Protein backbone atom coordinates (compact mmCIF):
# COMPACT_ATOMS: atom_id res chain seq x y z
CA MET A 1 14.20 36.05 3.42
CA THR A 2 14.24 35.32 -0.28
CA GLY A 3 13.92 32.04 -2.07
CA VAL A 4 11.99 29.89 -4.47
CA GLN A 5 8.44 29.42 -3.23
CA THR A 6 5.20 27.68 -4.03
CA CYS A 7 2.30 29.91 -4.94
CA ALA A 8 -1.30 29.34 -3.90
CA LEU A 9 -4.09 31.86 -4.30
CA PRO A 10 -6.68 32.30 -1.55
CA ILE A 11 -10.15 31.21 -2.65
CA TYR A 12 -11.43 34.76 -2.28
CA SER A 13 -9.04 36.10 -4.92
CA VAL A 14 -10.29 37.25 -8.32
CA ARG A 15 -7.83 37.72 -11.17
CA LEU A 16 -8.70 39.80 -14.21
CA SER A 17 -6.71 38.96 -17.32
CA GLY A 18 -6.96 39.19 -21.08
CA GLY A 19 -5.94 40.01 -23.72
CA GLU A 20 -5.04 43.27 -22.05
CA PRO A 21 -7.55 43.99 -19.26
CA PHE A 22 -6.57 47.67 -18.98
CA GLU A 23 -8.03 48.21 -22.44
CA HIS A 24 -11.47 47.05 -21.28
CA PRO A 25 -13.68 50.15 -20.95
CA LYS A 26 -15.46 48.74 -17.88
CA LEU A 27 -12.38 47.53 -15.99
CA ALA A 28 -12.75 50.06 -13.16
CA ASP A 29 -16.43 49.16 -12.75
CA ILE A 30 -15.64 45.43 -12.73
CA ALA A 31 -12.92 45.89 -10.09
CA ARG A 32 -15.27 48.01 -7.97
CA THR A 33 -18.00 45.38 -8.14
CA VAL A 34 -15.60 42.58 -7.18
CA LYS A 35 -14.21 44.63 -4.31
CA LYS A 36 -17.72 45.17 -2.92
CA GLU A 37 -17.86 41.39 -2.52
CA ASN A 38 -14.86 41.67 -0.17
CA ARG A 39 -12.51 39.86 -2.54
CA LEU A 40 -8.89 40.50 -3.44
CA VAL A 41 -8.52 41.96 -6.93
CA THR A 42 -5.46 41.18 -9.05
CA ILE A 43 -4.96 42.40 -12.61
CA LEU A 44 -2.63 40.63 -15.06
CA SER A 45 -1.21 43.08 -17.58
CA SER A 46 1.32 43.42 -20.37
CA GLY A 47 1.85 47.02 -19.32
CA VAL A 48 0.85 48.08 -22.83
CA TYR A 49 -2.29 50.08 -23.61
CA ASP A 50 -3.04 50.59 -27.30
CA LYS A 51 0.70 50.38 -28.16
CA ASN A 52 1.61 52.83 -25.37
CA SER A 53 1.96 52.74 -21.60
CA ILE A 54 -1.16 52.47 -19.45
CA PRO A 55 -2.60 56.00 -19.00
CA LYS A 56 -1.89 57.44 -15.56
CA ASP A 57 -5.51 58.46 -15.05
CA VAL A 58 -6.65 54.86 -15.70
CA ILE A 59 -4.25 53.54 -13.05
CA LYS A 60 -5.28 56.26 -10.59
CA LYS A 61 -8.96 55.46 -11.10
CA LEU A 62 -8.35 51.78 -10.37
CA LYS A 63 -6.21 52.33 -7.29
CA PRO A 64 -8.99 52.09 -4.65
CA ASN A 65 -10.17 48.71 -5.92
CA VAL A 66 -7.06 46.80 -6.98
CA ASP A 67 -4.83 44.89 -4.56
CA LYS A 68 -2.09 43.93 -6.98
CA ILE A 69 -0.98 44.24 -10.60
CA ILE A 70 1.10 41.47 -12.18
CA PHE A 71 3.13 42.48 -15.22
CA SER A 72 4.31 40.02 -17.87
CA ILE A 73 8.04 40.22 -18.59
CA TYR A 74 10.15 38.12 -20.97
CA GLY A 75 13.52 39.88 -20.89
CA ILE A 76 14.93 43.40 -20.73
CA GLY A 77 14.77 45.89 -23.61
CA SER A 78 15.15 44.26 -27.02
CA ASN A 79 14.92 40.75 -25.54
CA HIS A 80 11.43 41.48 -24.22
CA ASN A 81 10.50 43.16 -27.50
CA LYS A 82 11.65 40.14 -29.52
CA ILE A 83 9.22 37.83 -27.75
CA CYS A 84 6.36 40.34 -27.80
CA ARG A 85 7.10 41.12 -31.47
CA THR A 86 6.54 44.82 -30.68
CA LYS A 87 8.49 47.63 -29.00
CA ALA A 88 6.71 46.87 -25.75
CA PHE A 89 9.41 47.19 -23.10
CA ASN A 90 9.42 50.98 -23.01
CA SER A 91 5.66 50.99 -22.41
CA LEU A 92 6.03 48.32 -19.72
CA GLU A 93 8.64 50.36 -17.86
CA LYS A 94 6.51 53.51 -17.94
CA SER A 95 3.48 51.58 -16.70
CA VAL A 96 5.48 50.15 -13.81
CA LEU A 97 6.64 53.65 -12.84
CA SER A 98 3.04 54.90 -12.88
CA VAL A 99 1.99 52.02 -10.61
CA ILE A 100 4.87 52.80 -8.25
CA LYS A 101 3.81 56.45 -8.10
CA GLU A 102 0.34 55.38 -6.97
CA LYS A 103 1.90 52.87 -4.54
CA ILE A 104 -0.09 49.96 -5.89
CA PRO A 105 1.53 46.59 -5.03
CA PHE A 106 2.85 44.79 -8.10
CA SER A 107 4.96 41.86 -9.25
CA PHE A 108 6.07 40.14 -12.45
CA GLN A 109 5.49 36.85 -14.20
CA THR A 110 7.26 35.11 -17.06
CA VAL A 111 7.06 31.82 -18.95
CA ALA A 112 9.56 28.95 -18.82
CA MET A 113 10.46 28.83 -22.51
CA VAL A 114 13.75 28.93 -24.39
CA ASP A 115 14.15 32.70 -24.80
CA CYS A 116 12.95 33.53 -21.28
CA ILE A 117 15.30 31.01 -19.70
CA ASN A 118 18.16 32.62 -21.60
CA ASN A 119 17.04 36.02 -20.25
CA ILE A 120 16.26 34.97 -16.68
CA GLU A 121 19.24 36.58 -14.92
CA GLU A 122 18.68 39.98 -16.52
CA MET A 123 15.01 39.84 -15.51
CA VAL A 124 15.74 38.92 -11.90
CA GLY A 125 18.44 41.60 -11.71
CA TYR A 126 16.02 44.18 -13.10
CA ILE A 127 13.36 43.28 -10.53
CA GLY A 128 15.96 43.37 -7.76
CA GLU A 129 16.97 46.88 -8.78
CA ILE A 130 13.35 48.05 -8.69
CA LYS A 131 12.79 46.35 -5.34
CA SER A 132 15.77 48.09 -3.75
CA SER A 133 14.13 51.49 -4.24
CA LEU A 134 10.71 50.55 -2.79
CA ASN A 135 9.40 50.65 0.74
CA TYR A 136 5.76 49.65 0.27
CA CYS A 137 5.82 46.29 -1.56
CA ASN A 138 8.08 43.38 -2.43
CA PRO A 139 7.89 42.65 -6.19
CA ASN A 140 8.67 39.04 -7.02
CA LEU A 141 8.78 36.85 -10.13
CA HIS A 142 6.33 34.04 -10.83
CA VAL A 143 7.19 31.50 -13.53
CA LEU A 144 4.48 29.84 -15.61
CA ARG A 145 4.70 26.75 -17.75
CA PHE A 146 4.93 27.09 -21.52
CA ILE A 147 1.78 25.69 -23.12
CA LYS A 148 1.41 24.95 -26.82
CA GLN A 149 -1.79 26.90 -27.35
CA GLY A 150 -2.47 30.38 -28.68
CA ASN A 151 0.88 31.99 -29.48
CA GLY A 152 2.49 28.89 -28.00
CA GLU A 153 1.04 26.87 -30.86
CA ILE A 154 2.82 29.17 -33.31
CA ASN A 155 6.12 29.15 -31.39
CA LYS A 156 6.48 25.45 -30.60
CA ASP A 157 10.28 25.77 -30.82
CA GLN A 158 10.16 27.63 -27.48
CA ALA A 159 9.22 24.45 -25.59
CA ILE A 160 11.90 22.95 -23.33
CA SER A 161 12.46 19.49 -21.90
CA LYS A 162 11.68 18.30 -18.38
CA ASN A 163 15.41 18.05 -17.62
CA LYS A 164 16.03 21.64 -18.71
CA ILE A 165 13.14 22.86 -16.56
CA ASP A 166 14.61 21.09 -13.53
CA ASN A 167 17.98 22.79 -14.16
CA PHE A 168 16.21 26.11 -14.71
CA MET A 169 14.45 25.88 -11.35
CA LYS A 170 17.79 25.24 -9.64
CA LEU A 171 19.23 28.30 -11.40
CA CYS A 172 16.29 30.38 -10.17
CA ASN A 173 17.12 29.40 -6.61
CA ASP A 174 20.67 30.75 -7.04
CA LEU A 175 19.43 33.95 -8.71
CA SER A 176 16.87 34.49 -5.98
CA GLU A 177 19.63 34.56 -3.39
CA LYS A 178 21.97 36.63 -5.56
CA TYR A 179 19.51 39.44 -6.30
CA GLY A 180 17.21 39.23 -3.28
CA VAL A 181 14.11 38.48 -5.36
CA ASP A 182 11.53 35.85 -4.43
CA ILE A 183 10.77 33.44 -7.28
CA SER A 184 7.74 31.14 -7.34
CA PHE A 185 6.50 28.53 -9.81
CA GLY A 186 3.04 27.65 -11.07
CA CYS A 187 1.69 24.25 -10.04
CA SER A 188 1.76 23.05 -13.66
CA LEU A 189 5.49 23.80 -13.86
CA ARG A 190 6.20 22.01 -10.59
CA GLU A 191 3.78 19.20 -11.50
CA GLU A 192 2.45 19.08 -7.96
CA ASP A 193 -0.30 20.51 -5.77
CA CYS A 194 -2.65 20.90 -8.74
CA VAL A 195 -5.83 22.68 -7.68
CA GLN A 196 -7.99 21.69 -10.65
CA ASP A 197 -11.55 20.69 -9.74
CA SER A 198 -11.15 22.11 -6.24
CA GLU A 199 -9.94 25.59 -5.33
CA LYS A 200 -9.52 27.13 -8.73
CA ALA A 201 -11.85 28.24 -11.50
CA ALA A 202 -11.78 30.63 -14.43
CA ILE A 203 -14.34 32.21 -16.73
CA THR A 204 -13.35 32.41 -20.40
CA ALA A 205 -14.16 35.18 -22.85
CA TYR A 206 -16.96 32.88 -24.05
CA GLY A 207 -18.54 32.76 -20.59
CA GLU A 208 -17.46 29.18 -19.90
CA LYS A 209 -16.36 28.08 -16.44
CA ILE A 210 -13.16 26.02 -16.55
CA THR A 211 -11.01 24.44 -13.84
CA CYS A 212 -7.61 25.89 -14.78
CA SER A 213 -6.68 29.29 -16.17
CA ALA A 214 -4.20 27.60 -18.50
CA LEU A 215 -7.22 26.33 -20.42
CA LYS A 216 -7.88 29.77 -21.79
CA TYR A 217 -9.87 28.47 -24.74
CA GLY A 218 -12.34 26.52 -22.66
CA SER A 219 -14.08 23.56 -24.29
CA LYS A 220 -12.15 24.18 -27.51
CA GLN A 221 -9.04 22.92 -25.72
CA LYS A 222 -8.44 19.33 -24.62
CA LYS A 223 -8.39 18.64 -20.89
CA PHE A 224 -5.29 20.09 -19.30
CA ALA A 225 -2.84 17.37 -18.22
CA CYS A 226 0.49 18.67 -16.94
CA LYS A 227 2.35 15.37 -17.00
CA ASP A 228 1.24 14.38 -20.48
CA ARG A 229 3.17 17.10 -22.25
CA TRP A 230 6.74 15.81 -22.17
């Protein structure tokens, strides 16, 4: 059964993100170490490795110690490239095919911002087409909230209102049924079931422990408050 779902990670999950984690020279060693602790390993990736697709040998080396790869997607073809400001979609597609060849479970995530909302049906249709040819995993789409930090600080015009987000979530429900693709939303987008200060933690590139992965800049960023941003 398909539908719009909530999304909670088990406390024994470890997510490796970036930047682009596949470009880290010790990624395979890190994944192996985490796996020895009997934890689930998920890697968040753009699908781009030094302006190309992720090398097949890198994916193959990681296979024994990764449980899932989550690819960022913002549209199809030129629409994805526009947001990434590079010709990234071709590399993303090739990386997805390499992951499928190794039968590593994978899914996609996007961000609820103006351009992505305009591209949502083509993304869901694309994932549905991929899903129809698979027999080992069920790729879905997870939607994150747009946050005005990092690139979001530069592209403030991509922010959308609370009312538009509510309408967008209803549209996702229809698209989920139409294309047979599960769609879930981050707790900050739903503004409920926040797991800050309890089940969730992240380590920044500066070695700081923070309570929400949205606070990617650690103490340099003000305390994350979902409901204060409208």
